[in-house]
Amino acid sequence: MASSLLLAVVFVFDLIAFALAVAAEQRRNTAKLVVDANGRKYCQYDSDIATGLGVGSFFILVASQVIIMIVTRCLCCGKAMRPSGSRSWAICLFITTWVTFIIAAACLLAGSVRNAYHTKYRDLLKQNAPTCETMRKGVFGAGAGFIVLTGIASEIYYVSFSKANNGPPPYARDTGVRMGNL
């Protein structure tokens, strides 16, 4: 039977990771071009909190995934599951969980790294103004979307895994040929 406490803990972790990713999307860097007293142009960036929010979201998402994988023994360790529809669903959802997790993690990490990147000074005499590059809108938002998909898939995976491990034997009838006297 699937543990309600475990499902609640994983749900809360995924919810916090989602909230942090949405907050990172809202607080990503903006920049403006400024000229200093020496006539050099540079980019002035606002606070860098989105990087920390993105990294925090990543670590909480990893913790959620690790909890599910430890409890299910990563599907490949431990006793074999009984042949059933639940086993098929568990295998499909295991793969789906990892694919969505990798995409979410890549979005969060790429967004955090890109958000932390700041351009350097450029000389006004060379007429090469800095580009004041900032992260494209939606990277953390995509990460947040994949966090939701990862959370849904991992919880359904855990329930299917539990059903496949704890269900009744699939064959209740006699499966062999008797070789004795009648």
Protein backbone atom coordinates (compact mmCIF):
# COMPACT_ATOMS: atom_id res chain seq x y z
CA MET A 1 0.00 0.00 0.00
CA ALA A 2 1.28 3.46 -0.89
CA SER A 3 2.26 5.63 2.07
CA SER A 4 0.10 8.74 2.39
CA LEU A 5 2.78 10.45 4.44
CA LEU A 6 5.39 9.92 1.73
CA LEU A 7 3.00 11.20 -0.95
CA ALA A 8 2.30 14.30 1.17
CA VAL A 9 6.02 15.00 1.76
CA VAL A 10 6.86 14.64 -1.93
CA PHE A 11 3.89 16.84 -2.85
CA VAL A 12 5.05 19.57 -0.45
CA PHE A 13 8.61 19.39 -1.80
CA ASP A 14 7.36 19.66 -5.38
CA LEU A 15 5.06 22.53 -4.43
CA ILE A 16 7.93 24.45 -2.82
CA ALA A 17 10.18 23.79 -5.83
CA PHE A 18 7.40 25.02 -8.14
CA ALA A 19 6.87 28.17 -6.07
CA LEU A 20 10.59 28.96 -6.06
CA ALA A 21 10.80 28.47 -9.84
CA VAL A 22 7.83 30.80 -10.40
CA ALA A 23 9.39 33.36 -8.05
CA ALA A 24 12.68 33.08 -9.96
CA GLU A 25 10.83 33.73 -13.21
CA GLN A 26 9.25 36.84 -11.71
CA ARG A 27 12.53 38.14 -10.24
CA ARG A 28 14.98 37.44 -13.06
CA ASN A 29 17.62 40.07 -13.84
CA THR A 30 16.99 43.25 -15.75
CA ALA A 31 19.73 45.60 -16.89
CA LYS A 32 20.14 49.13 -18.14
CA LEU A 33 23.01 50.80 -19.96
CA VAL A 34 24.82 53.44 -17.86
CA VAL A 35 27.72 55.77 -18.67
CA ASP A 36 30.21 56.38 -15.84
CA ALA A 37 32.26 59.56 -15.14
CA ASN A 38 35.09 58.40 -17.46
CA GLY A 39 32.72 57.98 -20.41
CA ARG A 40 32.70 54.19 -20.32
CA LYS A 41 29.44 52.39 -20.84
CA TYR A 42 28.49 49.50 -18.64
CA CYS A 43 25.44 47.48 -17.75
CA GLN A 44 23.89 48.01 -14.37
CA TYR A 45 22.02 44.91 -13.20
CA ASP A 46 19.41 44.78 -10.49
CA SER A 47 19.40 42.19 -7.70
CA ASP A 48 20.52 38.67 -8.42
CA ILE A 49 17.94 36.86 -6.30
CA ALA A 50 16.54 34.79 -9.16
CA THR A 51 19.76 32.77 -9.32
CA GLY A 52 19.39 31.72 -5.68
CA LEU A 53 15.70 30.94 -6.13
CA GLY A 54 16.46 28.79 -9.18
CA VAL A 55 19.22 26.87 -7.40
CA GLY A 56 16.99 26.40 -4.34
CA SER A 57 14.20 25.08 -6.55
CA PHE A 58 16.68 22.68 -8.17
CA PHE A 59 17.88 21.27 -4.84
CA ILE A 60 14.35 20.78 -3.52
CA LEU A 61 13.35 19.05 -6.76
CA VAL A 62 16.39 16.77 -6.43
CA ALA A 63 15.43 15.97 -2.83
CA SER A 64 11.91 15.02 -3.95
CA GLN A 65 13.26 12.76 -6.68
CA VAL A 66 15.77 11.14 -4.32
CA ILE A 67 13.04 10.37 -1.77
CA ILE A 68 10.90 8.62 -4.38
CA MET A 69 13.86 6.69 -5.82
CA ILE A 70 15.08 5.53 -2.40
CA VAL A 71 11.65 4.30 -1.37
CA THR A 72 11.09 2.45 -4.65
CA ARG A 73 14.72 1.30 -4.78
CA CYS A 74 15.00 2.99 -8.18
CA LEU A 75 12.78 0.26 -9.69
CA CYS A 76 15.74 -2.00 -10.41
CA CYS A 77 16.90 -3.04 -6.94
CA GLY A 78 14.97 -5.23 -4.55
CA LYS A 79 12.50 -7.98 -5.29
CA ALA A 80 10.89 -8.32 -8.69
CA MET A 81 7.44 -6.85 -9.18
CA ARG A 82 4.50 -9.08 -9.94
CA PRO A 83 3.45 -9.15 -13.60
CA SER A 84 0.41 -6.87 -13.90
CA GLY A 85 -0.86 -3.67 -15.40
CA SER A 86 0.52 -1.81 -12.38
CA ARG A 87 4.01 -3.07 -13.20
CA SER A 88 3.69 -1.83 -16.78
CA TRP A 89 2.49 1.56 -15.57
CA ALA A 90 5.28 1.72 -12.99
CA ILE A 91 7.91 1.11 -15.68
CA CYS A 92 6.43 3.72 -18.06
CA LEU A 93 6.05 6.27 -15.27
CA PHE A 94 9.58 5.61 -14.02
CA ILE A 95 10.94 6.59 -17.44
CA THR A 96 8.57 9.57 -17.67
CA THR A 97 9.58 10.76 -14.22
CA TRP A 98 13.26 10.74 -15.10
CA VAL A 99 12.76 12.46 -18.47
CA THR A 100 10.67 15.27 -16.96
CA PHE A 101 13.07 15.56 -14.02
CA ILE A 102 16.08 15.96 -16.31
CA ILE A 103 14.30 18.62 -18.38
CA ALA A 104 13.19 20.53 -15.25
CA ALA A 105 16.66 20.34 -13.74
CA ALA A 106 18.26 21.53 -16.99
CA CYS A 107 15.88 24.50 -17.19
CA LEU A 108 16.52 25.48 -13.57
CA LEU A 109 20.30 25.15 -13.81
CA ALA A 110 20.56 26.83 -17.20
CA GLY A 111 18.32 29.66 -16.02
CA SER A 112 20.35 30.13 -12.85
CA VAL A 113 23.66 30.20 -14.70
CA ARG A 114 22.36 32.53 -17.40
CA ASN A 115 20.75 34.83 -14.84
CA ALA A 116 24.06 35.12 -12.97
CA TYR A 117 25.96 36.12 -16.13
CA HIS A 118 26.79 39.83 -16.35
CA THR A 119 28.53 41.60 -19.24
CA LYS A 120 31.71 43.61 -18.62
CA TYR A 121 32.75 47.18 -19.36
CA ARG A 122 33.15 48.32 -22.97
CA ASP A 123 35.01 51.45 -24.04
CA LEU A 124 32.91 54.34 -25.35
CA LEU A 125 35.68 55.36 -27.76
CA LYS A 126 35.43 52.07 -29.60
CA GLN A 127 31.66 52.56 -29.89
CA ASN A 128 31.10 49.01 -28.71
CA ALA A 129 28.34 49.31 -26.18
CA PRO A 130 27.70 46.31 -24.01
CA THR A 131 24.66 44.33 -24.97
CA CYS A 132 23.28 44.11 -21.41
CA GLU A 133 22.19 40.58 -22.08
CA THR A 134 19.67 39.09 -19.72
CA MET A 135 18.06 35.73 -19.57
CA ARG A 136 15.22 35.03 -21.96
CA LYS A 137 11.76 35.11 -20.45
CA GLY A 138 10.25 31.72 -19.70
CA VAL A 139 13.25 29.56 -18.79
CA PHE A 140 12.33 29.31 -15.12
CA GLY A 141 8.67 29.09 -16.16
CA ALA A 142 9.44 26.02 -18.28
CA GLY A 143 11.30 24.56 -15.32
CA ALA A 144 8.24 25.19 -13.14
CA GLY A 145 6.01 23.43 -15.67
CA PHE A 146 8.27 20.41 -15.78
CA ILE A 147 8.40 20.37 -11.98
CA VAL A 148 4.62 19.92 -11.99
CA LEU A 149 4.87 17.11 -14.55
CA THR A 150 7.67 15.46 -12.56
CA GLY A 151 5.61 15.67 -9.36
CA ILE A 152 2.53 14.13 -10.95
CA ALA A 153 4.48 11.38 -12.69
CA SER A 154 6.56 10.50 -9.62
CA GLU A 155 3.54 10.23 -7.32
CA ILE A 156 1.59 8.07 -9.78
CA TYR A 157 4.76 6.01 -10.30
CA TYR A 158 5.04 5.42 -6.56
CA VAL A 159 1.38 4.33 -6.31
CA SER A 160 1.75 1.98 -9.30
CA PHE A 161 4.98 0.58 -7.88
CA SER A 162 3.26 -0.07 -4.54
CA LYS A 163 0.35 -1.82 -6.23
CA ALA A 164 2.68 -4.01 -8.26
CA ASN A 165 4.65 -5.00 -5.14
CA ASN A 166 1.79 -5.45 -2.70
CA GLY A 167 -0.98 -6.81 -4.87
CA PRO A 168 -2.29 -10.37 -4.82
CA PRO A 169 -0.50 -13.01 -6.85
CA PRO A 170 -1.61 -12.72 -10.47
CA TYR A 171 -2.29 -16.45 -10.90
CA ALA A 172 -4.55 -17.99 -8.28
CA ARG A 173 -5.15 -21.20 -10.19
CA ASP A 174 -2.98 -24.28 -10.50
CA THR A 175 -0.27 -23.54 -13.04
CA GLY A 176 1.38 -26.96 -13.29
CA VAL A 177 0.55 -30.50 -14.42
CA ARG A 178 0.26 -33.01 -11.59
CA MET A 179 2.40 -36.07 -11.96
CA GLY A 180 0.93 -38.32 -9.34
CA ASN A 181 -1.54 -41.17 -8.93
CA LEU A 182 -5.23 -40.45 -9.22
